[in-house]
Amino acid sequence: GGGDARPEIRDGRLIIGTAISTAAMNNRQTLNAYFRYLQNRGEAEFMDFVERHGENYAEKYSENWEGTYSANNGRFVAGLIEELKEEGLIKGNQFADVACGPLVLENTYGLMDPKAQITNFDANPYILDEGVELLRKRKHNAYYEPTKKVCPMTKLEAKDGSYDVVNCASALHYLGQKGKKAIDKHERARALI
C-alpha cells in the first residue's frame, strides 16, 4: 500500500509507503508508477517530489519518452497545430509549451517547423536538461540550445499576446482539486487563466 505515502528512492528502487513498488519493475514501469503517484497531488506536493526525486524522474522519463502518453500527445498536438496553420487559424510562430516534460512540443512540432519559436516551461529543471539532450540527438546538433524556463505552470508570467499557441495538454492532471469553492484558488483553473 501506501497510496498517500511519500515516495522515496532507495538503492535505485521506488519505495511508496512500506511497499517496494519497483523491485521487479523496469524503467518504464517505474515511470508509470511515478505518473500514477503524482496525479492530482497538487503543485506543492509535485514541487516537493521534484526536489527529492526530480533527477531520477527525469532520467526515467527521457529513457522512455518515445512510448509515453506525452510523446503520443505531442505528436497529436503537432499534427493539430500543422492543420490549424494550414487553415490559417494559427498565423504566428510563437509557442509556449507549459509543463513540457522533456521538451515535448519542441521534440515533435519543433522538428517539423524550423520557424517555430518554442519556449519550454517546466517545474523540473532536470527534465528540461534531459529534453535538451534528447532534442540535440534528434536534431543531430550537439550545440542546439532551446529556450527553457524553470517555472511551475501556475506561476507563469507572460504578457497577453506573447504566444500564438500555449500547450499544456499533458500536465493538468498533476494539479490538485483543492479550492473548488473559488475558481482563483483552483490550481487547474489558475494554470489556464
N, C-alpha and C. Protein backbone atom coordinates (compact mmCIF):
# COMPACT_ATOMS: atom_id res chain seq x y z
N GLY A 1 0.72 -1.18 0.00
CA GLY A 1 0.00 0.00 0.00
C GLY A 1 0.76 1.25 0.00
N GLY A 2 0.23 2.17 0.79
CA GLY A 2 0.84 3.47 0.89
C GLY A 2 0.41 4.42 -0.19
N GLY A 3 -0.86 4.41 -0.62
CA GLY A 3 -1.31 5.29 -1.69
C GLY A 3 -1.04 6.75 -1.42
N ASP A 4 -1.13 7.17 -0.15
CA ASP A 4 -0.86 8.57 0.18
C ASP A 4 0.53 8.78 0.75
N ALA A 5 1.30 7.73 0.89
CA ALA A 5 2.65 7.86 1.43
C ALA A 5 3.56 8.55 0.43
N ARG A 6 4.59 9.20 0.95
CA ARG A 6 5.53 9.90 0.10
C ARG A 6 6.53 8.89 -0.47
N PRO A 7 6.80 8.99 -1.77
CA PRO A 7 7.74 8.04 -2.35
C PRO A 7 9.17 8.37 -1.96
N GLU A 8 9.99 7.35 -1.94
CA GLU A 8 11.42 7.51 -1.69
C GLU A 8 12.16 6.63 -2.69
N ILE A 9 13.41 6.99 -2.96
CA ILE A 9 14.27 6.16 -3.78
C ILE A 9 15.32 5.56 -2.87
N ARG A 10 15.37 4.24 -2.83
CA ARG A 10 16.39 3.53 -2.06
C ARG A 10 17.02 2.48 -2.95
N ASP A 11 18.33 2.53 -3.06
CA ASP A 11 19.06 1.56 -3.88
C ASP A 11 18.47 1.46 -5.28
N GLY A 12 18.09 2.62 -5.85
CA GLY A 12 17.57 2.63 -7.21
C GLY A 12 16.15 2.12 -7.35
N ARG A 13 15.45 1.93 -6.23
CA ARG A 13 14.08 1.43 -6.27
C ARG A 13 13.13 2.47 -5.72
N LEU A 14 11.95 2.53 -6.29
CA LEU A 14 10.91 3.44 -5.84
C LEU A 14 10.18 2.80 -4.67
N ILE A 15 10.20 3.46 -3.51
CA ILE A 15 9.52 2.97 -2.32
C ILE A 15 8.34 3.89 -2.05
N ILE A 16 7.15 3.35 -2.01
CA ILE A 16 5.96 4.12 -1.66
C ILE A 16 5.37 3.45 -0.44
N GLY A 17 5.37 4.18 0.67
CA GLY A 17 4.94 3.58 1.93
C GLY A 17 5.95 2.51 2.33
N THR A 18 5.46 1.36 2.69
CA THR A 18 6.37 0.28 3.07
C THR A 18 6.56 -0.72 1.95
N ALA A 19 5.84 -0.53 0.84
CA ALA A 19 5.94 -1.48 -0.27
C ALA A 19 7.08 -1.07 -1.21
N ILE A 20 7.85 -2.04 -1.64
CA ILE A 20 8.86 -1.78 -2.65
C ILE A 20 8.15 -1.95 -3.99
N SER A 21 7.83 -0.85 -4.61
CA SER A 21 6.99 -0.87 -5.81
C SER A 21 7.74 -1.28 -7.06
N THR A 22 9.05 -1.11 -7.09
CA THR A 22 9.77 -1.36 -8.33
C THR A 22 10.77 -2.50 -8.22
N ALA A 23 10.62 -3.35 -7.23
CA ALA A 23 11.58 -4.44 -7.06
C ALA A 23 11.73 -5.24 -8.34
N ALA A 24 10.65 -5.48 -9.05
CA ALA A 24 10.71 -6.26 -10.29
C ALA A 24 10.30 -5.41 -11.49
N MET A 25 10.39 -4.08 -11.37
CA MET A 25 9.94 -3.20 -12.44
C MET A 25 11.10 -2.75 -13.31
N ASN A 26 10.80 -2.60 -14.59
CA ASN A 26 11.77 -2.00 -15.49
C ASN A 26 11.60 -0.47 -15.43
N ASN A 27 12.41 0.26 -16.17
CA ASN A 27 12.35 1.72 -16.13
C ASN A 27 10.99 2.27 -16.54
N ARG A 28 10.36 1.66 -17.52
CA ARG A 28 9.05 2.12 -17.99
C ARG A 28 8.00 1.94 -16.90
N GLN A 29 8.03 0.81 -16.22
CA GLN A 29 7.08 0.56 -15.14
C GLN A 29 7.31 1.51 -13.97
N THR A 30 8.57 1.82 -13.69
CA THR A 30 8.89 2.78 -12.63
C THR A 30 8.33 4.15 -13.00
N LEU A 31 8.52 4.55 -14.26
CA LEU A 31 7.99 5.83 -14.72
C LEU A 31 6.47 5.86 -14.57
N ASN A 32 5.80 4.80 -14.95
CA ASN A 32 4.34 4.74 -14.80
C ASN A 32 3.92 4.81 -13.33
N ALA A 33 4.72 4.22 -12.44
CA ALA A 33 4.43 4.33 -11.00
C ALA A 33 4.54 5.79 -10.55
N TYR A 34 5.55 6.48 -11.04
CA TYR A 34 5.67 7.93 -10.73
C TYR A 34 4.44 8.68 -11.24
N PHE A 35 4.06 8.44 -12.49
CA PHE A 35 2.90 9.13 -13.06
C PHE A 35 1.65 8.90 -12.22
N ARG A 36 1.41 7.64 -11.85
CA ARG A 36 0.22 7.34 -11.04
C ARG A 36 0.28 8.05 -9.70
N TYR A 37 1.44 8.03 -9.08
CA TYR A 37 1.58 8.67 -7.77
C TYR A 37 1.30 10.17 -7.85
N LEU A 38 1.78 10.82 -8.91
CA LEU A 38 1.71 12.28 -8.99
C LEU A 38 0.34 12.83 -9.39
N GLN A 39 -0.54 12.03 -9.93
CA GLN A 39 -1.83 12.52 -10.38
C GLN A 39 -2.60 13.16 -9.25
N ASN A 40 -3.11 14.36 -9.50
CA ASN A 40 -3.96 15.11 -8.58
C ASN A 40 -3.31 15.44 -7.25
N ARG A 41 -1.99 15.42 -7.17
CA ARG A 41 -1.29 15.70 -5.92
C ARG A 41 -1.22 17.19 -5.63
N GLY A 42 -1.28 17.99 -6.65
CA GLY A 42 -1.18 19.43 -6.45
C GLY A 42 0.24 19.93 -6.62
N GLU A 43 0.34 21.21 -6.86
CA GLU A 43 1.63 21.82 -7.17
C GLU A 43 2.64 21.72 -6.03
N ALA A 44 2.21 21.97 -4.81
CA ALA A 44 3.15 21.94 -3.69
C ALA A 44 3.77 20.54 -3.53
N GLU A 45 2.94 19.53 -3.61
CA GLU A 45 3.47 18.17 -3.47
C GLU A 45 4.32 17.78 -4.68
N PHE A 46 3.93 18.25 -5.87
CA PHE A 46 4.75 17.99 -7.05
C PHE A 46 6.12 18.64 -6.90
N MET A 47 6.15 19.88 -6.40
CA MET A 47 7.43 20.57 -6.22
C MET A 47 8.30 19.85 -5.19
N ASP A 48 7.69 19.34 -4.13
CA ASP A 48 8.44 18.55 -3.15
C ASP A 48 8.99 17.28 -3.80
N PHE A 49 8.19 16.64 -4.62
CA PHE A 49 8.63 15.44 -5.33
C PHE A 49 9.81 15.77 -6.24
N VAL A 50 9.73 16.89 -6.95
CA VAL A 50 10.83 17.30 -7.85
C VAL A 50 12.10 17.52 -7.06
N GLU A 51 11.98 18.17 -5.91
CA GLU A 51 13.16 18.42 -5.08
C GLU A 51 13.81 17.10 -4.64
N ARG A 52 12.99 16.13 -4.29
CA ARG A 52 13.51 14.86 -3.78
C ARG A 52 13.87 13.87 -4.88
N HIS A 53 13.10 13.86 -5.98
CA HIS A 53 13.26 12.80 -6.98
C HIS A 53 13.32 13.30 -8.42
N GLY A 54 13.42 14.59 -8.60
CA GLY A 54 13.35 15.18 -9.93
C GLY A 54 14.35 14.61 -10.92
N GLU A 55 15.57 14.37 -10.47
CA GLU A 55 16.60 13.88 -11.38
C GLU A 55 16.29 12.45 -11.84
N ASN A 56 15.91 11.58 -10.91
CA ASN A 56 15.58 10.20 -11.26
C ASN A 56 14.35 10.16 -12.16
N TYR A 57 13.33 10.92 -11.82
CA TYR A 57 12.11 11.02 -12.61
C TYR A 57 12.44 11.46 -14.04
N ALA A 58 13.27 12.48 -14.17
CA ALA A 58 13.64 13.00 -15.48
C ALA A 58 14.39 11.95 -16.30
N GLU A 59 15.28 11.24 -15.65
CA GLU A 59 16.06 10.21 -16.34
C GLU A 59 15.14 9.10 -16.87
N LYS A 60 14.23 8.63 -16.03
CA LYS A 60 13.30 7.58 -16.45
C LYS A 60 12.39 8.08 -17.57
N TYR A 61 11.92 9.31 -17.44
CA TYR A 61 11.04 9.91 -18.43
C TYR A 61 11.75 10.00 -19.78
N SER A 62 12.96 10.48 -19.78
CA SER A 62 13.73 10.64 -21.01
C SER A 62 14.03 9.29 -21.67
N GLU A 63 14.40 8.31 -20.87
CA GLU A 63 14.72 6.98 -21.40
C GLU A 63 13.51 6.32 -22.06
N ASN A 64 12.33 6.66 -21.61
CA ASN A 64 11.11 6.01 -22.09
C ASN A 64 10.20 6.93 -22.87
N TRP A 65 10.68 8.11 -23.23
CA TRP A 65 9.82 9.15 -23.77
C TRP A 65 9.05 8.73 -25.01
N GLU A 66 9.68 8.08 -25.95
CA GLU A 66 9.02 7.74 -27.22
C GLU A 66 7.71 7.00 -27.03
N GLY A 67 7.61 6.16 -26.03
CA GLY A 67 6.41 5.36 -25.84
C GLY A 67 5.43 5.91 -24.83
N THR A 68 5.66 7.13 -24.35
CA THR A 68 4.79 7.67 -23.31
C THR A 68 3.55 8.34 -23.90
N TYR A 69 2.58 8.53 -23.03
CA TYR A 69 1.38 9.30 -23.38
C TYR A 69 1.79 10.69 -23.85
N SER A 70 2.77 11.28 -23.19
CA SER A 70 3.20 12.64 -23.55
C SER A 70 3.75 12.71 -24.97
N ALA A 71 4.53 11.71 -25.37
CA ALA A 71 5.06 11.70 -26.73
C ALA A 71 3.93 11.55 -27.74
N ASN A 72 2.99 10.66 -27.45
CA ASN A 72 1.85 10.50 -28.35
C ASN A 72 1.01 11.77 -28.39
N ASN A 73 0.79 12.36 -27.24
CA ASN A 73 0.05 13.61 -27.18
C ASN A 73 0.80 14.71 -27.94
N GLY A 74 2.12 14.76 -27.79
CA GLY A 74 2.92 15.74 -28.52
C GLY A 74 2.79 15.59 -30.02
N ARG A 75 2.79 14.36 -30.50
CA ARG A 75 2.61 14.12 -31.94
C ARG A 75 1.22 14.56 -32.39
N PHE A 76 0.21 14.27 -31.55
CA PHE A 76 -1.15 14.70 -31.88
C PHE A 76 -1.24 16.23 -31.94
N VAL A 77 -0.70 16.90 -30.91
CA VAL A 77 -0.74 18.37 -30.87
C VAL A 77 0.04 18.95 -32.04
N ALA A 78 1.18 18.36 -32.38
CA ALA A 78 1.97 18.83 -33.53
C ALA A 78 1.16 18.75 -34.82
N GLY A 79 0.46 17.64 -35.02
CA GLY A 79 -0.38 17.49 -36.21
C GLY A 79 -1.52 18.48 -36.21
N LEU A 80 -2.11 18.71 -35.04
CA LEU A 80 -3.21 19.67 -34.92
C LEU A 80 -2.72 21.09 -35.24
N ILE A 81 -1.57 21.46 -34.70
CA ILE A 81 -1.01 22.78 -34.99
C ILE A 81 -0.76 22.92 -36.49
N GLU A 82 -0.20 21.90 -37.09
CA GLU A 82 0.08 21.94 -38.53
C GLU A 82 -1.20 22.16 -39.33
N GLU A 83 -2.26 21.43 -38.98
CA GLU A 83 -3.54 21.58 -39.66
C GLU A 83 -4.11 22.99 -39.46
N LEU A 84 -4.05 23.49 -38.22
CA LEU A 84 -4.60 24.81 -37.93
C LEU A 84 -3.80 25.91 -38.63
N LYS A 85 -2.51 25.71 -38.78
CA LYS A 85 -1.69 26.68 -39.54
C LYS A 85 -2.06 26.65 -41.02
N GLU A 86 -2.25 25.45 -41.57
CA GLU A 86 -2.64 25.32 -42.97
C GLU A 86 -3.98 25.99 -43.24
N GLU A 87 -4.89 25.92 -42.27
CA GLU A 87 -6.20 26.55 -42.41
C GLU A 87 -6.18 28.04 -42.09
N GLY A 88 -5.03 28.56 -41.67
CA GLY A 88 -4.90 29.98 -41.37
C GLY A 88 -5.40 30.38 -40.00
N LEU A 89 -5.71 29.41 -39.15
CA LEU A 89 -6.21 29.72 -37.81
C LEU A 89 -5.10 30.05 -36.83
N ILE A 90 -3.90 29.59 -37.11
CA ILE A 90 -2.71 29.98 -36.35
C ILE A 90 -1.80 30.67 -37.36
N LYS A 91 -1.48 31.92 -37.08
CA LYS A 91 -0.71 32.70 -38.03
C LYS A 91 0.75 32.89 -37.62
N GLY A 92 1.01 32.88 -36.33
CA GLY A 92 2.36 33.17 -35.85
C GLY A 92 3.17 31.92 -35.56
N ASN A 93 4.37 32.15 -35.06
CA ASN A 93 5.31 31.06 -34.77
C ASN A 93 5.79 31.05 -33.33
N GLN A 94 5.10 31.77 -32.43
CA GLN A 94 5.50 31.83 -31.03
C GLN A 94 4.67 30.84 -30.22
N PHE A 95 5.35 29.87 -29.62
CA PHE A 95 4.67 28.80 -28.89
C PHE A 95 5.20 28.72 -27.46
N ALA A 96 4.30 28.42 -26.54
CA ALA A 96 4.68 28.11 -25.17
C ALA A 96 4.25 26.68 -24.90
N ASP A 97 5.18 25.88 -24.41
CA ASP A 97 4.85 24.51 -24.01
C ASP A 97 4.99 24.47 -22.50
N VAL A 98 3.84 24.46 -21.82
CA VAL A 98 3.77 24.57 -20.37
C VAL A 98 3.75 23.17 -19.76
N ALA A 99 4.60 22.97 -18.75
CA ALA A 99 4.79 21.65 -18.16
C ALA A 99 5.21 20.70 -19.27
N CYS A 100 6.25 21.10 -19.97
CA CYS A 100 6.66 20.47 -21.23
C CYS A 100 7.34 19.13 -21.08
N GLY A 101 7.68 18.73 -19.86
CA GLY A 101 8.43 17.47 -19.73
C GLY A 101 9.73 17.59 -20.51
N PRO A 102 10.12 16.54 -21.21
CA PRO A 102 11.37 16.59 -21.97
C PRO A 102 11.18 17.32 -23.30
N LEU A 103 10.71 18.57 -23.22
CA LEU A 103 10.51 19.44 -24.38
C LEU A 103 9.61 18.76 -25.42
N VAL A 104 8.44 18.33 -24.99
CA VAL A 104 7.56 17.53 -25.83
C VAL A 104 7.21 18.23 -27.15
N LEU A 105 6.74 19.47 -27.09
CA LEU A 105 6.35 20.15 -28.32
C LEU A 105 7.56 20.42 -29.21
N GLU A 106 8.66 20.77 -28.59
CA GLU A 106 9.90 21.02 -29.35
C GLU A 106 10.39 19.74 -30.02
N ASN A 107 10.22 18.60 -29.36
CA ASN A 107 10.67 17.32 -29.92
C ASN A 107 9.68 16.74 -30.92
N THR A 108 8.55 17.38 -31.12
CA THR A 108 7.58 16.93 -32.12
C THR A 108 7.38 18.04 -33.14
N TYR A 109 6.59 19.03 -32.81
CA TYR A 109 6.31 20.10 -33.77
C TYR A 109 7.57 20.90 -34.13
N GLY A 110 8.42 21.14 -33.17
CA GLY A 110 9.64 21.91 -33.43
C GLY A 110 10.53 21.27 -34.48
N LEU A 111 10.49 19.95 -34.58
CA LEU A 111 11.27 19.27 -35.61
C LEU A 111 10.60 19.36 -36.98
N MET A 112 9.28 19.59 -37.00
CA MET A 112 8.54 19.70 -38.26
C MET A 112 8.61 21.11 -38.84
N ASP A 113 8.68 22.12 -37.98
CA ASP A 113 8.63 23.51 -38.42
C ASP A 113 9.84 24.27 -37.90
N PRO A 114 10.86 24.46 -38.73
CA PRO A 114 12.06 25.16 -38.27
C PRO A 114 11.83 26.62 -37.90
N LYS A 115 10.69 27.20 -38.28
CA LYS A 115 10.39 28.59 -37.93
C LYS A 115 9.77 28.72 -36.54
N ALA A 116 9.35 27.61 -35.98
CA ALA A 116 8.69 27.64 -34.67
C ALA A 116 9.65 28.13 -33.60
N GLN A 117 9.19 29.09 -32.81
CA GLN A 117 9.93 29.61 -31.67
C GLN A 117 9.20 29.12 -30.42
N ILE A 118 9.75 28.10 -29.78
CA ILE A 118 9.07 27.44 -28.67
C ILE A 118 9.78 27.77 -27.36
N THR A 119 9.00 28.26 -26.40
CA THR A 119 9.51 28.46 -25.05
C THR A 119 9.00 27.28 -24.22
N ASN A 120 9.93 26.57 -23.61
CA ASN A 120 9.63 25.35 -22.85
C ASN A 120 9.63 25.65 -21.36
N PHE A 121 8.49 25.46 -20.70
CA PHE A 121 8.34 25.71 -19.27
C PHE A 121 8.14 24.39 -18.54
N ASP A 122 8.87 24.18 -17.46
CA ASP A 122 8.63 23.03 -16.61
C ASP A 122 9.15 23.33 -15.21
N ALA A 123 8.52 22.76 -14.21
CA ALA A 123 8.95 22.96 -12.82
C ALA A 123 10.18 22.13 -12.48
N ASN A 124 10.47 21.12 -13.28
CA ASN A 124 11.58 20.21 -13.01
C ASN A 124 12.77 20.57 -13.90
N PRO A 125 13.82 21.17 -13.34
CA PRO A 125 14.97 21.56 -14.17
C PRO A 125 15.67 20.36 -14.81
N TYR A 126 15.61 19.22 -14.16
CA TYR A 126 16.27 18.03 -14.70
C TYR A 126 15.58 17.53 -15.97
N ILE A 127 14.25 17.63 -16.01
CA ILE A 127 13.53 17.15 -17.19
C ILE A 127 13.80 18.07 -18.37
N LEU A 128 13.98 19.36 -18.09
CA LEU A 128 14.35 20.29 -19.16
C LEU A 128 15.71 19.91 -19.75
N ASP A 129 16.67 19.62 -18.88
CA ASP A 129 18.00 19.23 -19.34
C ASP A 129 17.96 17.93 -20.14
N GLU A 130 17.18 16.96 -19.66
CA GLU A 130 17.04 15.70 -20.40
C GLU A 130 16.40 15.95 -21.77
N GLY A 131 15.42 16.85 -21.80
CA GLY A 131 14.77 17.19 -23.07
C GLY A 131 15.73 17.83 -24.05
N VAL A 132 16.63 18.68 -23.54
CA VAL A 132 17.63 19.31 -24.40
C VAL A 132 18.52 18.24 -25.02
N GLU A 133 18.97 17.29 -24.23
CA GLU A 133 19.82 16.21 -24.75
C GLU A 133 19.08 15.38 -25.79
N LEU A 134 17.83 15.06 -25.51
CA LEU A 134 17.02 14.31 -26.47
C LEU A 134 16.88 15.08 -27.77
N LEU A 135 16.59 16.36 -27.66
CA LEU A 135 16.41 17.21 -28.83
C LEU A 135 17.70 17.34 -29.63
N ARG A 136 18.82 17.49 -28.95
CA ARG A 136 20.10 17.59 -29.66
C ARG A 136 20.38 16.32 -30.46
N LYS A 137 20.07 15.17 -29.90
CA LYS A 137 20.26 13.91 -30.63
C LYS A 137 19.33 13.85 -31.85
N ARG A 138 18.09 14.25 -31.66
CA ARG A 138 17.11 14.17 -32.75
C ARG A 138 17.41 15.19 -33.84
N LYS A 139 17.97 16.33 -33.48
CA LYS A 139 18.33 17.35 -34.47
C LYS A 139 19.72 17.12 -35.05
N HIS A 140 20.46 16.19 -34.47
CA HIS A 140 21.85 15.94 -34.86
C HIS A 140 22.67 17.22 -34.74
N ASN A 141 22.46 17.94 -33.63
CA ASN A 141 23.15 19.20 -33.38
C ASN A 141 23.48 19.26 -31.89
N ALA A 142 24.71 18.98 -31.55
CA ALA A 142 25.14 18.91 -30.15
C ALA A 142 25.14 20.27 -29.46
N TYR A 143 25.01 21.34 -30.22
CA TYR A 143 25.09 22.68 -29.64
C TYR A 143 23.75 23.41 -29.62
N TYR A 144 22.70 22.79 -30.11
CA TYR A 144 21.40 23.45 -30.15
C TYR A 144 20.96 23.79 -28.73
N GLU A 145 20.52 25.02 -28.53
CA GLU A 145 20.10 25.47 -27.20
C GLU A 145 18.69 26.04 -27.29
N PRO A 146 17.68 25.23 -26.97
CA PRO A 146 16.30 25.73 -26.99
C PRO A 146 16.04 26.68 -25.82
N THR A 147 14.95 27.40 -25.92
CA THR A 147 14.54 28.30 -24.84
C THR A 147 13.82 27.48 -23.79
N LYS A 148 14.33 27.52 -22.55
CA LYS A 148 13.71 26.75 -21.47
C LYS A 148 13.69 27.60 -20.21
N LYS A 149 12.61 27.43 -19.45
CA LYS A 149 12.44 28.18 -18.21
C LYS A 149 11.91 27.26 -17.12
N VAL A 150 12.56 27.29 -15.97
CA VAL A 150 12.09 26.50 -14.82
C VAL A 150 11.01 27.32 -14.13
N CYS A 151 9.79 26.77 -14.15
CA CYS A 151 8.66 27.51 -13.60
C CYS A 151 7.46 26.58 -13.45
N PRO A 152 6.82 26.56 -12.29
CA PRO A 152 5.56 25.80 -12.16
C PRO A 152 4.49 26.41 -13.06
N MET A 153 3.59 25.59 -13.54
CA MET A 153 2.61 26.08 -14.52
C MET A 153 1.63 27.10 -13.96
N THR A 154 1.44 27.17 -12.66
CA THR A 154 0.53 28.17 -12.11
C THR A 154 1.22 29.49 -11.83
N LYS A 155 2.52 29.58 -12.11
CA LYS A 155 3.26 30.80 -11.81
C LYS A 155 3.92 31.42 -13.06
N LEU A 156 3.39 31.10 -14.21
CA LEU A 156 3.92 31.65 -15.45
C LEU A 156 3.65 33.15 -15.52
N GLU A 157 4.59 33.86 -16.04
CA GLU A 157 4.40 35.29 -16.27
C GLU A 157 4.70 35.59 -17.72
N ALA A 158 3.69 36.05 -18.43
CA ALA A 158 3.85 36.45 -19.82
C ALA A 158 2.80 37.50 -20.14
N LYS A 159 3.16 38.44 -20.95
CA LYS A 159 2.21 39.46 -21.38
C LYS A 159 1.19 38.83 -22.32
N ASP A 160 -0.04 39.36 -22.29
CA ASP A 160 -1.06 38.89 -23.22
C ASP A 160 -0.53 39.04 -24.64
N GLY A 161 -0.78 38.04 -25.46
CA GLY A 161 -0.35 38.07 -26.85
C GLY A 161 1.09 37.65 -27.07
N SER A 162 1.78 37.22 -26.00
CA SER A 162 3.18 36.80 -26.14
C SER A 162 3.32 35.56 -27.01
N TYR A 163 2.31 34.69 -26.99
CA TYR A 163 2.38 33.43 -27.70
C TYR A 163 1.16 33.27 -28.60
N ASP A 164 1.39 32.65 -29.74
CA ASP A 164 0.29 32.33 -30.65
C ASP A 164 -0.42 31.06 -30.23
N VAL A 165 0.32 30.15 -29.60
CA VAL A 165 -0.24 28.89 -29.10
C VAL A 165 0.39 28.60 -27.75
N VAL A 166 -0.45 28.20 -26.79
CA VAL A 166 0.03 27.75 -25.49
C VAL A 166 -0.48 26.32 -25.32
N ASN A 167 0.46 25.39 -25.13
CA ASN A 167 0.12 23.99 -24.96
C ASN A 167 0.40 23.57 -23.52
N CYS A 168 -0.60 23.00 -22.87
CA CYS A 168 -0.39 22.41 -21.54
C CYS A 168 -1.21 21.12 -21.44
N ALA A 169 -1.37 20.47 -22.57
CA ALA A 169 -2.27 19.33 -22.67
C ALA A 169 -1.84 18.11 -21.87
N SER A 170 -0.56 17.99 -21.57
CA SER A 170 -0.10 16.76 -20.94
C SER A 170 0.06 16.84 -19.44
N ALA A 171 -0.34 17.95 -18.81
CA ALA A 171 0.04 18.08 -17.41
C ALA A 171 -1.04 18.55 -16.45
N LEU A 172 -2.20 18.91 -16.90
CA LEU A 172 -3.21 19.44 -15.97
C LEU A 172 -3.60 18.42 -14.91
N HIS A 173 -3.47 17.14 -15.22
CA HIS A 173 -3.85 16.10 -14.26
C HIS A 173 -2.90 16.05 -13.06
N TYR A 174 -1.75 16.72 -13.13
CA TYR A 174 -0.84 16.77 -11.99
C TYR A 174 -1.33 17.76 -10.93
N LEU A 175 -2.11 18.72 -11.33
CA LEU A 175 -2.58 19.73 -10.39
C LEU A 175 -3.74 19.18 -9.57
N GLY A 176 -3.86 19.68 -8.35
CA GLY A 176 -4.86 19.16 -7.43
C GLY A 176 -6.23 19.75 -7.64
N GLN A 177 -7.16 19.20 -6.89
CA GLN A 177 -8.56 19.62 -6.94
C GLN A 177 -8.92 20.51 -5.76
N LYS A 178 -7.93 20.99 -5.03
CA LYS A 178 -8.21 21.81 -3.85
C LYS A 178 -8.79 23.16 -4.26
N GLY A 179 -9.57 23.75 -3.38
CA GLY A 179 -10.07 25.10 -3.60
C GLY A 179 -11.23 25.18 -4.56
N LYS A 180 -12.10 24.20 -4.59
CA LYS A 180 -13.22 24.21 -5.53
C LYS A 180 -14.21 25.34 -5.26
N LYS A 181 -14.17 25.92 -4.07
CA LYS A 181 -15.13 26.97 -3.72
C LYS A 181 -14.88 28.25 -4.51
N ALA A 182 -13.63 28.55 -4.81
CA ALA A 182 -13.31 29.78 -5.53
C ALA A 182 -12.42 29.44 -6.72
N ILE A 183 -12.84 29.83 -7.91
CA ILE A 183 -12.11 29.45 -9.12
C ILE A 183 -10.66 29.91 -9.09
N ASP A 184 -10.37 31.09 -8.48
CA ASP A 184 -8.99 31.58 -8.48
C ASP A 184 -8.09 30.76 -7.57
N LYS A 185 -8.65 29.92 -6.71
CA LYS A 185 -7.86 29.05 -5.86
C LYS A 185 -7.69 27.66 -6.47
N HIS A 186 -8.38 27.37 -7.51
CA HIS A 186 -8.34 26.06 -8.15
C HIS A 186 -7.11 25.99 -9.05
N GLU A 187 -6.19 25.07 -8.75
CA GLU A 187 -4.92 25.02 -9.47
C GLU A 187 -5.09 24.83 -10.97
N ARG A 188 -5.99 23.99 -11.37
CA ARG A 188 -6.17 23.77 -12.81
C ARG A 188 -6.66 25.03 -13.49
N ALA A 189 -7.57 25.72 -12.87
CA ALA A 189 -8.07 26.96 -13.46
C ALA A 189 -6.97 28.01 -13.52
N ARG A 190 -6.16 28.12 -12.46
CA ARG A 190 -5.07 29.10 -12.46
C ARG A 190 -4.07 28.82 -13.56
N ALA A 191 -3.84 27.56 -13.87
CA ALA A 191 -2.91 27.21 -14.94
C ALA A 191 -3.45 27.64 -16.30
N LEU A 192 -4.76 27.69 -16.43
CA LEU A 192 -5.37 28.04 -17.71
C LEU A 192 -5.67 29.52 -17.86
N ILE A 193 -5.78 30.23 -16.75
CA ILE A 193 -6.13 31.65 -16.81
C ILE A 193 -4.92 32.49 -17.17
